[in-house]
Amino acid sequence: MAAHNELGKWGEEMAQRYLLLHGYHILDIDWHLGHRDLDIVTEKLGFIIFVEVKTRSTDDFMAPEDAVNKEKIRNLLTAGNAYLTKYKIDKPCQFDIITIIGSPENFHIEHHKEAFDGYNWNDDFEYKGLYGGTRQIKK
């Protein structure tokens, strides 16, 4: 397995541990809809939470959460909708991003809750960003 794939797999395992330690119930891991996927599907306090995990060895080039671009958001919204439809889930949902920077020896994890919204899948998306600031992402 390539080094970046190993780092990504490790990051997803760390994200799962983080979520479990913070009271989330994991429903699914690596759920696929064709070429689209949901890294982690959780439930907490009556919400279904779709978690995208981004792991990087360093953030010198770009912040990991910035890799969640408009195409990725569109794919996550499509996969999330398909998940809710397939399992006939009628609960509120949100999309979170967990970023992990570093290596197994020394890493930092951040949980960006409600990272973006898709009020209407055909409209523009709102990305809330790391510090709650917003920027519009045009389709």
Protein backbone atom coordinates (compact mmCIF):
# COMPACT_ATOMS: atom_id res chain seq x y z
CA MET A 1 0.00 0.00 0.00
CA ALA A 2 1.32 3.46 -0.89
CA ALA A 3 2.49 5.64 2.01
CA HIS A 4 -0.29 8.22 1.49
CA ASN A 5 -2.91 5.44 1.54
CA GLU A 6 -1.46 4.08 4.78
CA LEU A 7 -1.53 7.57 6.29
CA GLY A 8 -5.15 8.01 5.21
CA LYS A 9 -6.19 4.65 6.66
CA TRP A 10 -4.45 5.46 9.93
CA GLY A 11 -6.15 8.89 9.99
CA GLU A 12 -9.58 7.35 9.54
CA GLU A 13 -8.89 4.96 12.43
CA MET A 14 -7.85 7.91 14.65
CA ALA A 15 -11.00 9.80 13.64
CA GLN A 16 -13.14 6.79 14.60
CA ARG A 17 -11.46 6.59 18.00
CA TYR A 18 -11.92 10.32 18.51
CA LEU A 19 -15.63 10.09 17.69
CA LEU A 20 -16.20 7.11 19.99
CA LEU A 21 -14.41 8.89 22.85
CA HIS A 22 -16.70 11.89 22.32
CA GLY A 23 -19.97 9.96 22.52
CA TYR A 24 -20.72 9.34 18.85
CA HIS A 25 -22.25 6.05 17.72
CA ILE A 26 -20.64 4.86 14.49
CA LEU A 27 -23.19 3.53 12.01
CA ASP A 28 -20.99 2.96 8.95
CA ILE A 29 -17.40 3.26 7.80
CA ASP A 30 -16.32 3.76 4.20
CA TRP A 31 -19.87 3.59 2.76
CA HIS A 32 -19.90 3.74 -1.04
CA LEU A 33 -22.33 4.94 -3.68
CA GLY A 34 -20.52 4.22 -6.94
CA HIS A 35 -17.33 6.30 -6.90
CA ARG A 36 -18.68 8.52 -4.10
CA ASP A 37 -18.03 7.60 -0.49
CA LEU A 38 -18.78 8.60 3.06
CA ASP A 39 -15.77 8.10 5.33
CA ILE A 40 -17.73 7.78 8.59
CA VAL A 41 -21.46 7.91 9.32
CA THR A 42 -22.31 8.56 12.97
CA GLU A 43 -25.25 9.38 15.16
CA LYS A 44 -25.34 11.61 18.21
CA LEU A 45 -28.21 13.30 20.00
CA GLY A 46 -30.68 12.35 17.27
CA PHE A 47 -28.54 13.71 14.41
CA ILE A 48 -27.00 11.72 11.60
CA ILE A 49 -23.51 13.09 11.06
CA PHE A 50 -21.52 12.42 7.91
CA VAL A 51 -17.83 12.85 8.66
CA GLU A 52 -15.21 13.48 6.01
CA VAL A 53 -11.68 12.70 7.22
CA LYS A 54 -8.66 14.51 5.81
CA THR A 55 -5.21 13.38 6.95
CA ARG A 56 -1.95 15.08 6.01
CA SER A 57 1.59 14.66 7.26
CA THR A 58 1.96 18.46 7.20
CA ASP A 59 -0.19 21.49 6.45
CA ASP A 60 2.68 23.42 4.81
CA PHE A 61 1.09 23.15 1.36
CA MET A 62 -2.60 23.57 2.26
CA ALA A 63 -4.93 23.08 5.20
CA PRO A 64 -6.52 19.60 4.98
CA GLU A 65 -10.06 20.97 5.16
CA ASP A 66 -9.38 23.06 2.05
CA ALA A 67 -9.26 19.79 0.08
CA VAL A 68 -13.03 19.61 0.56
CA ASN A 69 -13.83 21.62 -2.55
CA LYS A 70 -17.15 22.19 -4.32
CA GLU A 71 -16.93 18.89 -6.24
CA LYS A 72 -16.24 16.96 -3.02
CA ILE A 73 -19.09 18.76 -1.26
CA ARG A 74 -21.45 17.90 -4.12
CA ASN A 75 -20.38 14.23 -3.91
CA LEU A 76 -20.81 14.16 -0.12
CA LEU A 77 -24.28 15.70 -0.37
CA THR A 78 -25.28 13.16 -3.02
CA ALA A 79 -23.91 10.22 -1.02
CA GLY A 80 -25.48 11.50 2.21
CA ASN A 81 -28.87 11.85 0.57
CA ALA A 82 -28.57 8.33 -0.89
CA TYR A 83 -27.63 6.95 2.55
CA LEU A 84 -30.66 8.56 4.22
CA THR A 85 -32.94 7.33 1.42
CA LYS A 86 -31.57 3.78 1.35
CA TYR A 87 -31.98 3.27 5.09
CA LYS A 88 -35.21 5.30 5.30
CA ILE A 89 -33.74 7.64 7.91
CA ASP A 90 -35.83 10.69 8.77
CA LYS A 91 -33.53 12.57 11.15
CA PRO A 92 -31.70 15.85 10.87
CA CYS A 93 -28.19 15.53 9.51
CA GLN A 94 -24.99 17.50 9.30
CA PHE A 95 -21.66 17.28 7.54
CA ASP A 96 -18.47 17.49 9.61
CA ILE A 97 -14.80 17.38 8.70
CA ILE A 98 -12.12 15.86 10.91
CA THR A 99 -8.58 16.89 10.07
CA ILE A 100 -5.49 15.11 11.27
CA ILE A 101 -2.03 16.57 10.74
CA GLY A 102 1.12 14.67 11.63
CA SER A 103 2.11 11.06 12.09
CA PRO A 104 1.31 8.30 14.58
CA GLU A 105 4.13 9.57 16.79
CA ASN A 106 2.94 13.18 16.91
CA PHE A 107 -0.34 14.47 15.51
CA HIS A 108 -3.03 17.10 15.94
CA ILE A 109 -6.74 16.41 15.36
CA GLU A 110 -9.49 18.98 14.81
CA HIS A 111 -13.23 18.43 14.48
CA HIS A 112 -14.98 20.99 12.27
CA LYS A 113 -18.66 20.58 13.10
CA GLU A 114 -21.25 21.59 10.50
CA ALA A 115 -18.45 22.37 8.06
CA PHE A 116 -20.86 23.05 5.20
CA ASP A 117 -24.56 23.02 4.42
CA GLY A 118 -26.51 22.01 1.35
CA TYR A 119 -29.92 23.53 1.91
CA ASN A 120 -30.87 22.89 -1.67
CA TRP A 121 -28.60 20.57 -3.62
CA ASN A 122 -29.07 22.60 -6.82
CA ASP A 123 -28.16 25.93 -5.20
CA ASP A 124 -24.82 27.33 -4.05
CA PHE A 125 -23.16 25.74 -1.04
CA GLU A 126 -22.07 27.54 2.08
CA TYR A 127 -18.70 26.49 3.52
CA LYS A 128 -18.38 27.66 7.10
CA GLY A 129 -14.62 27.30 7.25
CA LEU A 130 -12.24 26.65 10.08
CA TYR A 131 -13.24 29.60 12.26
CA GLY A 132 -16.91 29.87 11.37
CA GLY A 133 -16.38 32.45 8.64
CA THR A 134 -18.27 31.76 5.46
CA ARG A 135 -17.49 31.80 1.79
CA GLN A 136 -19.85 31.01 -1.02
CA ILE A 137 -18.97 28.10 -3.27
CA LYS A 138 -20.62 28.45 -6.65
CA LYS A 139 -21.66 25.33 -8.51
